[in-house]
Amino acid sequence: AKNDMEPRAYVDMISSRFDALCKALG
């Protein structure tokens, strides 16, 4: 809500960042 997003769209965005971190860390 603070980011003016629906929960599903928000979690899709943030989850992808955690997956990207896994890849960045090897």
PDB file of all heavy atoms in Angstrom:
ATOM      1  N   ALA A   1       0.825  -1.210   0.000  1.00  0.00           N
ATOM      2  CA  ALA A   1       0.000   0.000   0.000  1.00  0.00           C
ATOM      3  C   ALA A   1       0.857   1.258   0.000  1.00  0.00           C
ATOM      4  O   ALA A   1       0.552   2.242  -0.691  1.00  0.00           O
ATOM      5  CB  ALA A   1      -0.924  -0.010   1.214  1.00  0.00           C
ATOM      6  N   LYS A   2       1.937   1.217   0.756  1.00  0.00           N
ATOM      7  CA  LYS A   2       2.838   2.375   0.828  1.00  0.00           C
ATOM      8  C   LYS A   2       3.465   2.663  -0.536  1.00  0.00           C
ATOM      9  O   LYS A   2       3.801   3.804  -0.860  1.00  0.00           O
ATOM     10  CB  LYS A   2       3.934   2.106   1.871  1.00  0.00           C
ATOM     11  CG  LYS A   2       4.751   3.325   2.261  1.00  0.00           C
ATOM     12  CD  LYS A   2       5.782   2.978   3.335  1.00  0.00           C
ATOM     13  CE  LYS A   2       5.110   2.664   4.660  1.00  0.00           C
ATOM     14  NZ  LYS A   2       6.107   2.426   5.742  1.00  0.00           N
ATOM     15  N   ASN A   3       3.623   1.624  -1.339  1.00  0.00           N
ATOM     16  CA  ASN A   3       4.198   1.779  -2.679  1.00  0.00           C
ATOM     17  C   ASN A   3       3.129   1.906  -3.769  1.00  0.00           C
ATOM     18  O   ASN A   3       3.437   1.815  -4.957  1.00  0.00           O
ATOM     19  CB  ASN A   3       5.106   0.586  -2.996  1.00  0.00           C
ATOM     20  CG  ASN A   3       6.437   0.656  -2.274  1.00  0.00           C
ATOM     21  OD1 ASN A   3       7.388   1.252  -2.756  1.00  0.00           O
ATOM     22  ND2 ASN A   3       6.501   0.043  -1.099  1.00  0.00           N
ATOM     23  N   ASP A   4       1.867   2.095  -3.326  1.00  0.00           N
ATOM     24  CA  ASP A   4       0.742   2.242  -4.263  1.00  0.00           C
ATOM     25  C   ASP A   4       0.662   1.069  -5.237  1.00  0.00           C
ATOM     26  O   ASP A   4       0.468   1.233  -6.442  1.00  0.00           O
ATOM     27  CB  ASP A   4       0.852   3.561  -5.053  1.00  0.00           C
ATOM     28  CG  ASP A   4       0.718   4.776  -4.155  1.00  0.00           C
ATOM     29  OD1 ASP A   4      -0.124   4.730  -3.237  1.00  0.00           O
ATOM     30  OD2 ASP A   4       1.448   5.751  -4.370  1.00  0.00           O
ATOM     31  N   MET A   5       0.818  -0.125  -4.701  1.00  0.00           N
ATOM     32  CA  MET A   5       0.777  -1.332  -5.520  1.00  0.00           C
ATOM     33  C   MET A   5      -0.165  -2.347  -4.902  1.00  0.00           C
ATOM     34  O   MET A   5      -0.379  -2.360  -3.676  1.00  0.00           O
ATOM     35  CB  MET A   5       2.179  -1.953  -5.650  1.00  0.00           C
ATOM     36  CG  MET A   5       3.199  -1.071  -6.331  1.00  0.00           C
ATOM     37  SD  MET A   5       4.859  -1.837  -6.364  1.00  0.00           S
ATOM     38  CE  MET A   5       4.605  -3.110  -7.617  1.00  0.00           C
ATOM     39  N   GLU A   6      -0.714  -3.209  -5.749  1.00  0.00           N
ATOM     40  CA  GLU A   6      -1.455  -4.363  -5.258  1.00  0.00           C
ATOM     41  C   GLU A   6      -0.451  -5.347  -4.649  1.00  0.00           C
ATOM     42  O   GLU A   6       0.688  -5.445  -5.124  1.00  0.00           O
ATOM     43  CB  GLU A   6      -2.224  -5.031  -6.394  1.00  0.00           C
ATOM     44  CG  GLU A   6      -3.394  -4.217  -6.911  1.00  0.00           C
ATOM     45  CD  GLU A   6      -4.449  -4.021  -5.842  1.00  0.00           C
ATOM     46  OE1 GLU A   6      -4.774  -5.001  -5.126  1.00  0.00           O
ATOM     47  OE2 GLU A   6      -4.945  -2.882  -5.715  1.00  0.00           O
ATOM     48  N   PRO A   7      -0.873  -6.082  -3.607  1.00  0.00           N
ATOM     49  CA  PRO A   7       0.071  -7.006  -2.963  1.00  0.00           C
ATOM     50  C   PRO A   7       0.761  -7.962  -3.921  1.00  0.00           C
ATOM     51  O   PRO A   7       1.975  -8.178  -3.833  1.00  0.00           O
ATOM     52  CB  PRO A   7      -0.803  -7.752  -1.946  1.00  0.00           C
ATOM     53  CG  PRO A   7      -1.872  -6.777  -1.605  1.00  0.00           C
ATOM     54  CD  PRO A   7      -2.160  -6.038  -2.878  1.00  0.00           C
ATOM     55  N   ARG A   8       0.015  -8.542  -4.880  1.00  0.00           N
ATOM     56  CA  ARG A   8       0.628  -9.522  -5.772  1.00  0.00           C
ATOM     57  C   ARG A   8       1.711  -8.895  -6.631  1.00  0.00           C
ATOM     58  O   ARG A   8       2.802  -9.467  -6.799  1.00  0.00           O
ATOM     59  CB  ARG A   8      -0.443 -10.158  -6.671  1.00  0.00           C
ATOM     60  CG  ARG A   8       0.118 -11.218  -7.621  1.00  0.00           C
ATOM     61  CD  ARG A   8       0.547 -12.462  -6.872  1.00  0.00           C
ATOM     62  NE  ARG A   8       1.642 -13.148  -7.511  1.00  0.00           N
ATOM     63  CZ  ARG A   8       1.895 -14.440  -7.351  1.00  0.00           C
ATOM     64  NH1 ARG A   8       1.142 -15.178  -6.578  1.00  0.00           N
ATOM     65  NH2 ARG A   8       2.929 -14.996  -7.945  1.00  0.00           N
ATOM     66  N   ALA A   9       1.447  -7.718  -7.172  1.00  0.00           N
ATOM     67  CA  ALA A   9       2.455  -7.049  -8.004  1.00  0.00           C
ATOM     68  C   ALA A   9       3.669  -6.669  -7.158  1.00  0.00           C
ATOM     69  O   ALA A   9       4.819  -6.781  -7.608  1.00  0.00           O
ATOM     70  CB  ALA A   9       1.851  -5.804  -8.650  1.00  0.00           C
ATOM     71  N   TYR A  10       3.405  -6.253  -5.926  1.00  0.00           N
ATOM     72  CA  TYR A  10       4.505  -5.857  -5.041  1.00  0.00           C
ATOM     73  C   TYR A  10       5.399  -7.047  -4.707  1.00  0.00           C
ATOM     74  O   TYR A  10       6.635  -6.967  -4.801  1.00  0.00           O
ATOM     75  CB  TYR A  10       3.953  -5.243  -3.753  1.00  0.00           C
ATOM     76  CG  TYR A  10       5.012  -4.912  -2.742  1.00  0.00           C
ATOM     77  CD1 TYR A  10       5.808  -3.789  -2.871  1.00  0.00           C
ATOM     78  CD2 TYR A  10       5.230  -5.766  -1.658  1.00  0.00           C
ATOM     79  CE1 TYR A  10       6.801  -3.505  -1.939  1.00  0.00           C
ATOM     80  CE2 TYR A  10       6.220  -5.493  -0.730  1.00  0.00           C
ATOM     81  CZ  TYR A  10       7.002  -4.367  -0.879  1.00  0.00           C
ATOM     82  OH  TYR A  10       7.983  -4.092   0.040  1.00  0.00           O
ATOM     83  N   VAL A  11       4.798  -8.178  -4.323  1.00  0.00           N
ATOM     84  CA  VAL A  11       5.630  -9.334  -3.941  1.00  0.00           C
ATOM     85  C   VAL A  11       6.370  -9.895  -5.149  1.00  0.00           C
ATOM     86  O   VAL A  11       7.490 -10.397  -5.003  1.00  0.00           O
ATOM     87  CB  VAL A  11       4.799 -10.438  -3.229  1.00  0.00           C
ATOM     88  CG1 VAL A  11       4.191  -9.899  -1.949  1.00  0.00           C
ATOM     89  CG2 VAL A  11       3.745 -11.047  -4.134  1.00  0.00           C
ATOM     90  N   ASP A  12       5.773  -9.807  -6.334  1.00  0.00           N
ATOM     91  CA  ASP A  12       6.484 -10.246  -7.540  1.00  0.00           C
ATOM     92  C   ASP A  12       7.760  -9.420  -7.726  1.00  0.00           C
ATOM     93  O   ASP A  12       8.829  -9.959  -8.049  1.00  0.00           O
ATOM     94  CB  ASP A  12       5.602 -10.090  -8.773  1.00  0.00           C
ATOM     95  CG  ASP A  12       4.514 -11.156  -8.862  1.00  0.00           C
ATOM     96  OD1 ASP A  12       4.577 -12.138  -8.093  1.00  0.00           O
ATOM     97  OD2 ASP A  12       3.600 -10.985  -9.699  1.00  0.00           O
ATOM     98  N   MET A  13       7.634  -8.106  -7.524  1.00  0.00           N
ATOM     99  CA  MET A  13       8.779  -7.207  -7.707  1.00  0.00           C
ATOM    100  C   MET A  13       9.880  -7.486  -6.682  1.00  0.00           C
ATOM    101  O   MET A  13      11.054  -7.649  -7.050  1.00  0.00           O
ATOM    102  CB  MET A  13       8.320  -5.756  -7.588  1.00  0.00           C
ATOM    103  CG  MET A  13       9.454  -4.737  -7.670  1.00  0.00           C
ATOM    104  SD  MET A  13       8.912  -3.041  -7.349  1.00  0.00           S
ATOM    105  CE  MET A  13       8.598  -3.089  -5.570  1.00  0.00           C
ATOM    106  N   ILE A  14       9.511  -7.571  -5.400  1.00  0.00           N
ATOM    107  CA  ILE A  14      10.528  -7.747  -4.352  1.00  0.00           C
ATOM    108  C   ILE A  14      11.123  -9.144  -4.395  1.00  0.00           C
ATOM    109  O   ILE A  14      12.337  -9.333  -4.226  1.00  0.00           O
ATOM    110  CB  ILE A  14       9.949  -7.437  -2.961  1.00  0.00           C
ATOM    111  CG1 ILE A  14       9.438  -5.997  -2.897  1.00  0.00           C
ATOM    112  CG2 ILE A  14      11.017  -7.651  -1.888  1.00  0.00           C
ATOM    113  CD1 ILE A  14      10.497  -4.932  -3.068  1.00  0.00           C
ATOM    114  N   SER A  15      10.303 -10.157  -4.635  1.00  0.00           N
ATOM    115  CA  SER A  15      10.825 -11.524  -4.709  1.00  0.00           C
ATOM    116  C   SER A  15      11.874 -11.648  -5.802  1.00  0.00           C
ATOM    117  O   SER A  15      12.898 -12.330  -5.620  1.00  0.00           O
ATOM    118  CB  SER A  15       9.681 -12.511  -4.954  1.00  0.00           C
ATOM    119  OG  SER A  15      10.170 -13.830  -5.041  1.00  0.00           O
ATOM    120  N   SER A  16      11.641 -10.989  -6.929  1.00  0.00           N
ATOM    121  CA  SER A  16      12.606 -11.061  -8.031  1.00  0.00           C
ATOM    122  C   SER A  16      13.952 -10.476  -7.626  1.00  0.00           C
ATOM    123  O   SER A  16      15.000 -10.906  -8.106  1.00  0.00           O
ATOM    124  CB  SER A  16      12.068 -10.345  -9.267  1.00  0.00           C
ATOM    125  OG  SER A  16      11.994  -8.942  -9.061  1.00  0.00           O
ATOM    126  N   ARG A  17      13.939  -9.519  -6.721  1.00  0.00           N
ATOM    127  CA  ARG A  17      15.206  -8.931  -6.246  1.00  0.00           C
ATOM    128  C   ARG A  17      15.983  -9.918  -5.379  1.00  0.00           C
ATOM    129  O   ARG A  17      17.215  -9.946  -5.414  1.00  0.00           O
ATOM    130  CB  ARG A  17      14.930  -7.645  -5.460  1.00  0.00           C
ATOM    131  CG  ARG A  17      14.336  -6.519  -6.303  1.00  0.00           C
ATOM    132  CD  ARG A  17      14.312  -5.227  -5.524  1.00  0.00           C
ATOM    133  NE  ARG A  17      13.598  -4.179  -6.243  1.00  0.00           N
ATOM    134  CZ  ARG A  17      13.424  -2.941  -5.786  1.00  0.00           C
ATOM    135  NH1 ARG A  17      13.917  -2.604  -4.591  1.00  0.00           N
ATOM    136  NH2 ARG A  17      12.766  -2.051  -6.486  1.00  0.00           N
ATOM    137  N   PHE A  18      15.268 -10.719  -4.602  1.00  0.00           N
ATOM    138  CA  PHE A  18      15.957 -11.729  -3.791  1.00  0.00           C
ATOM    139  C   PHE A  18      16.549 -12.823  -4.675  1.00  0.00           C
ATOM    140  O   PHE A  18      17.655 -13.300  -4.425  1.00  0.00           O
ATOM    141  CB  PHE A  18      15.003 -12.318  -2.751  1.00  0.00           C
ATOM    142  CG  PHE A  18      14.826 -11.445  -1.542  1.00  0.00           C
ATOM    143  CD1 PHE A  18      13.789 -10.539  -1.470  1.00  0.00           C
ATOM    144  CD2 PHE A  18      15.712 -11.506  -0.483  1.00  0.00           C
ATOM    145  CE1 PHE A  18      13.623  -9.716  -0.364  1.00  0.00           C
ATOM    146  CE2 PHE A  18      15.571 -10.698   0.632  1.00  0.00           C
ATOM    147  CZ  PHE A  18      14.509  -9.802   0.694  1.00  0.00           C
ATOM    148  N   ASP A  19      15.815 -13.210  -5.708  1.00  0.00           N
ATOM    149  CA  ASP A  19      16.348 -14.198  -6.642  1.00  0.00           C
ATOM    150  C   ASP A  19      17.569 -13.629  -7.368  1.00  0.00           C
ATOM    151  O   ASP A  19      18.574 -14.333  -7.577  1.00  0.00           O
ATOM    152  CB  ASP A  19      15.261 -14.588  -7.646  1.00  0.00           C
ATOM    153  CG  ASP A  19      15.580 -15.871  -8.391  1.00  0.00           C
ATOM    154  OD1 ASP A  19      16.484 -16.611  -7.967  1.00  0.00           O
ATOM    155  OD2 ASP A  19      14.929 -16.137  -9.410  1.00  0.00           O
ATOM    156  N   ALA A  20      17.497 -12.350  -7.732  1.00  0.00           N
ATOM    157  CA  ALA A  20      18.636 -11.695  -8.398  1.00  0.00           C
ATOM    158  C   ALA A  20      19.846 -11.644  -7.474  1.00  0.00           C
ATOM    159  O   ALA A  20      20.997 -11.784  -7.922  1.00  0.00           O
ATOM    160  CB  ALA A  20      18.247 -10.289  -8.846  1.00  0.00           C
ATOM    161  N   LEU A  21      19.610 -11.445  -6.173  1.00  0.00           N
ATOM    162  CA  LEU A  21      20.718 -11.431  -5.213  1.00  0.00           C
ATOM    163  C   LEU A  21      21.394 -12.800  -5.160  1.00  0.00           C
ATOM    164  O   LEU A  21      22.631 -12.884  -5.102  1.00  0.00           O
ATOM    165  CB  LEU A  21      20.216 -11.035  -3.819  1.00  0.00           C
ATOM    166  CG  LEU A  21      21.260 -11.066  -2.708  1.00  0.00           C
ATOM    167  CD1 LEU A  21      22.379 -10.059  -2.964  1.00  0.00           C
ATOM    168  CD2 LEU A  21      20.613 -10.792  -1.345  1.00  0.00           C
ATOM    169  N   CYS A  22      20.611 -13.866  -5.182  1.00  0.00           N
ATOM    170  CA  CYS A  22      21.191 -15.217  -5.197  1.00  0.00           C
ATOM    171  C   CYS A  22      22.145 -15.370  -6.379  1.00  0.00           C
ATOM    172  O   CYS A  22      23.258 -15.896  -6.232  1.00  0.00           O
ATOM    173  CB  CYS A  22      20.097 -16.273  -5.280  1.00  0.00           C
ATOM    174  SG  CYS A  22      19.075 -16.424  -3.811  1.00  0.00           S
ATOM    175  N   LYS A  23      21.709 -14.914  -7.529  1.00  0.00           N
ATOM    176  CA  LYS A  23      22.539 -15.035  -8.726  1.00  0.00           C
ATOM    177  C   LYS A  23      23.772 -14.149  -8.629  1.00  0.00           C
ATOM    178  O   LYS A  23      24.884 -14.557  -9.002  1.00  0.00           O
ATOM    179  CB  LYS A  23      21.708 -14.680  -9.961  1.00  0.00           C
ATOM    180  CG  LYS A  23      20.602 -15.695 -10.269  1.00  0.00           C
ATOM    181  CD  LYS A  23      19.771 -15.270 -11.458  1.00  0.00           C
ATOM    182  CE  LYS A  23      18.797 -16.362 -11.879  1.00  0.00           C
ATOM    183  NZ  LYS A  23      17.794 -16.694 -10.854  1.00  0.00           N
ATOM    184  N   ALA A  24      23.600 -12.927  -8.111  1.00  0.00           N
ATOM    185  CA  ALA A  24      24.729 -11.993  -7.994  1.00  0.00           C
ATOM    186  C   ALA A  24      25.790 -12.510  -7.033  1.00  0.00           C
ATOM    187  O   ALA A  24      26.986 -12.265  -7.220  1.00  0.00           O
ATOM    188  CB  ALA A  24      24.230 -10.622  -7.541  1.00  0.00           C
ATOM    189  N   LEU A  25      25.373 -13.235  -5.998  1.00  0.00           N
ATOM    190  CA  LEU A  25      26.309 -13.773  -5.011  1.00  0.00           C
ATOM    191  C   LEU A  25      26.944 -15.091  -5.464  1.00  0.00           C
ATOM    192  O   LEU A  25      27.816 -15.620  -4.782  1.00  0.00           O
ATOM    193  CB  LEU A  25      25.592 -14.001  -3.672  1.00  0.00           C
ATOM    194  CG  LEU A  25      25.210 -12.758  -2.878  1.00  0.00           C
ATOM    195  CD1 LEU A  25      24.249 -13.130  -1.748  1.00  0.00           C
ATOM    196  CD2 LEU A  25      26.445 -12.057  -2.308  1.00  0.00           C
ATOM    197  N   GLY A  26      26.493 -15.629  -6.582  1.00  0.00           N
ATOM    198  CA  GLY A  26      27.027 -16.904  -7.050  1.00  0.00           C
ATOM    199  C   GLY A  26      26.523 -18.076  -6.244  1.00  0.00           C
ATOM    200  O   GLY A  26      27.226 -19.081  -6.088  1.00  0.00           O
TER     201      GLY A  26
END
